[in-house]
Amino acid sequence: MRLSEVLGSLHFLRNLCGEKSSQWRDEMQKMLDAEKPDAERRARLVASFNRGYRSFEGTYTKCTASATEAIGRYMKEGEQLTREVADRYGN
């Protein structure tokens, strides 16, 4: 769930700061495709992504030094979470 929230946050922040793409939404979709969760879990994962997006949407209206710092923190956390998932469930 936390990785979904991080991806939502990155989707908002990176686009706010000049990245005009759907990369982070696409990463979320890849995660859903790989996991193939049941409907209830899928809804919770999507809600977490949206919560991450909305949490910054209400805070930042333009790219600031603080937004850039948040991007760095979330990138680092996302990398760590991804490694942990891969270590635990990877083959």
C-alpha atoms as a PDB file:
ATOM      1  CA  MET A   1       0.000   0.000   0.000  1.00  0.00           C
ATOM      2  CA  ARG A   2       2.793   2.384   0.857  1.00  0.00           C
ATOM      3  CA  LEU A   3       4.474   1.906  -2.521  1.00  0.00           C
ATOM      4  CA  SER A   4       1.182   2.793  -4.215  1.00  0.00           C
ATOM      5  CA  GLU A   5       0.991   5.981  -2.171  1.00  0.00           C
ATOM      6  CA  VAL A   6       4.598   6.860  -3.013  1.00  0.00           C
ATOM      7  CA  LEU A   7       3.901   6.356  -6.729  1.00  0.00           C
ATOM      8  CA  GLY A   8       0.874   8.665  -6.507  1.00  0.00           C
ATOM      9  CA  SER A   9       2.940  11.322  -4.756  1.00  0.00           C
ATOM     10  CA  LEU A  10       5.680  11.062  -7.360  1.00  0.00           C
ATOM     11  CA  HIS A  11       3.148  11.256 -10.177  1.00  0.00           C
ATOM     12  CA  PHE A  12       1.901  14.590  -8.865  1.00  0.00           C
ATOM     13  CA  LEU A  13       5.227  16.084  -7.783  1.00  0.00           C
ATOM     14  CA  ARG A  14       7.315  15.104 -10.816  1.00  0.00           C
ATOM     15  CA  ASN A  15       4.695  16.486 -13.198  1.00  0.00           C
ATOM     16  CA  LEU A  16       4.422  19.641 -11.115  1.00  0.00           C
ATOM     17  CA  CYS A  17       8.174  20.098 -11.434  1.00  0.00           C
ATOM     18  CA  GLY A  18       8.317  19.715 -15.210  1.00  0.00           C
ATOM     19  CA  GLU A  19       8.092  16.012 -16.035  1.00  0.00           C
ATOM     20  CA  LYS A  20       5.162  15.792 -18.426  1.00  0.00           C
ATOM     21  CA  SER A  21       4.541  12.075 -18.533  1.00  0.00           C
ATOM     22  CA  SER A  22       2.482   9.298 -17.054  1.00  0.00           C
ATOM     23  CA  GLN A  23       5.566   7.352 -15.932  1.00  0.00           C
ATOM     24  CA  TRP A  24       4.503   6.971 -12.297  1.00  0.00           C
ATOM     25  CA  ARG A  25       0.904   6.093 -13.158  1.00  0.00           C
ATOM     26  CA  ASP A  26       2.319   3.568 -15.642  1.00  0.00           C
ATOM     27  CA  GLU A  27       4.515   2.087 -12.888  1.00  0.00           C
ATOM     28  CA  MET A  28       1.419   1.725 -10.733  1.00  0.00           C
ATOM     29  CA  GLN A  29      -0.345  -0.075 -13.571  1.00  0.00           C
ATOM     30  CA  LYS A  30       2.639  -2.416 -13.999  1.00  0.00           C
ATOM     31  CA  MET A  31       2.489  -3.212 -10.309  1.00  0.00           C
ATOM     32  CA  LEU A  32      -1.235  -3.995 -10.552  1.00  0.00           C
ATOM     33  CA  ASP A  33      -0.665  -6.127 -13.655  1.00  0.00           C
ATOM     34  CA  ALA A  34       2.106  -8.086 -11.939  1.00  0.00           C
ATOM     35  CA  GLU A  35       0.223  -8.618  -8.695  1.00  0.00           C
ATOM     36  CA  LYS A  36      -3.210  -9.322 -10.206  1.00  0.00           C
ATOM     37  CA  PRO A  37      -4.966  -8.426  -6.949  1.00  0.00           C
ATOM     38  CA  ASP A  38      -8.582  -9.301  -6.241  1.00  0.00           C
ATOM     39  CA  ALA A  39     -11.097  -6.466  -6.618  1.00  0.00           C
ATOM     40  CA  GLU A  40     -10.965  -5.398  -2.966  1.00  0.00           C
ATOM     41  CA  ARG A  41      -7.170  -5.224  -2.815  1.00  0.00           C
ATOM     42  CA  ARG A  42      -7.022  -3.481  -6.194  1.00  0.00           C
ATOM     43  CA  ALA A  43      -9.428  -0.817  -4.904  1.00  0.00           C
ATOM     44  CA  ARG A  44      -7.242  -0.290  -1.824  1.00  0.00           C
ATOM     45  CA  LEU A  45      -4.074  -0.010  -3.938  1.00  0.00           C
ATOM     46  CA  VAL A  46      -5.711   2.512  -6.278  1.00  0.00           C
ATOM     47  CA  ALA A  47      -7.043   4.466  -3.294  1.00  0.00           C
ATOM     48  CA  SER A  48      -3.507   4.599  -1.856  1.00  0.00           C
ATOM     49  CA  PHE A  49      -2.137   5.928  -5.161  1.00  0.00           C
ATOM     50  CA  ASN A  50      -4.859   8.575  -5.264  1.00  0.00           C
ATOM     51  CA  ARG A  51      -4.262   9.518  -1.622  1.00  0.00           C
ATOM     52  CA  GLY A  52      -0.567  10.069  -2.396  1.00  0.00           C
ATOM     53  CA  TYR A  53      -1.472  12.246  -5.375  1.00  0.00           C
ATOM     54  CA  ARG A  54      -4.063  14.302  -3.484  1.00  0.00           C
ATOM     55  CA  SER A  55      -1.857  14.785  -0.429  1.00  0.00           C
ATOM     56  CA  PHE A  56       0.462  17.019  -2.458  1.00  0.00           C
ATOM     57  CA  GLU A  57      -2.145  18.433  -4.812  1.00  0.00           C
ATOM     58  CA  GLY A  58      -3.542  20.411  -1.888  1.00  0.00           C
ATOM     59  CA  THR A  59      -0.097  21.589  -0.749  1.00  0.00           C
ATOM     60  CA  TYR A  60       1.796  22.596  -3.885  1.00  0.00           C
ATOM     61  CA  THR A  61       0.588  24.720  -6.786  1.00  0.00           C
ATOM     62  CA  LYS A  62       4.058  25.249  -8.256  1.00  0.00           C
ATOM     63  CA  CYS A  63       7.418  23.540  -8.082  1.00  0.00           C
ATOM     64  CA  THR A  64       9.376  24.769  -5.080  1.00  0.00           C
ATOM     65  CA  ALA A  65      12.578  23.750  -3.349  1.00  0.00           C
ATOM     66  CA  SER A  66      10.436  21.896  -0.829  1.00  0.00           C
ATOM     67  CA  ALA A  67       8.632  20.005  -3.606  1.00  0.00           C
ATOM     68  CA  THR A  68      11.966  19.055  -5.150  1.00  0.00           C
ATOM     69  CA  GLU A  69      13.189  17.837  -1.769  1.00  0.00           C
ATOM     70  CA  ALA A  70      10.017  15.772  -1.361  1.00  0.00           C
ATOM     71  CA  ILE A  71      10.651  14.195  -4.777  1.00  0.00           C
ATOM     72  CA  GLY A  72      14.100  13.109  -3.613  1.00  0.00           C
ATOM     73  CA  ARG A  73      12.731  11.614  -0.409  1.00  0.00           C
ATOM     74  CA  TYR A  74       9.953   9.758  -2.209  1.00  0.00           C
ATOM     75  CA  MET A  75      12.301   8.476  -4.917  1.00  0.00           C
ATOM     76  CA  LYS A  76      14.578   7.076  -2.216  1.00  0.00           C
ATOM     77  CA  GLU A  77      11.683   5.533  -0.298  1.00  0.00           C
ATOM     78  CA  GLY A  78      10.210   4.073  -3.490  1.00  0.00           C
ATOM     79  CA  GLU A  79      13.527   2.485  -4.400  1.00  0.00           C
ATOM     80  CA  GLN A  80      13.817   0.968  -0.933  1.00  0.00           C
ATOM     81  CA  LEU A  81      10.265  -0.378  -0.996  1.00  0.00           C
ATOM     82  CA  THR A  82      10.781  -1.828  -4.471  1.00  0.00           C
ATOM     83  CA  ARG A  83      13.942  -3.621  -3.350  1.00  0.00           C
ATOM     84  CA  GLU A  84      12.154  -5.007  -0.291  1.00  0.00           C
ATOM     85  CA  VAL A  85       9.276  -6.316  -2.411  1.00  0.00           C
ATOM     86  CA  ALA A  86      11.662  -7.850  -4.936  1.00  0.00           C
ATOM     87  CA  ASP A  87      13.738  -9.454  -2.173  1.00  0.00           C
ATOM     88  CA  ARG A  88      10.683 -10.873  -0.501  1.00  0.00           C
ATOM     89  CA  TYR A  89       8.623 -11.977  -3.501  1.00  0.00           C
ATOM     90  CA  GLY A  90      11.067 -12.008  -6.425  1.00  0.00           C
ATOM     91  CA  ASN A  91      12.302 -15.187  -7.992  1.00  0.00           C
END
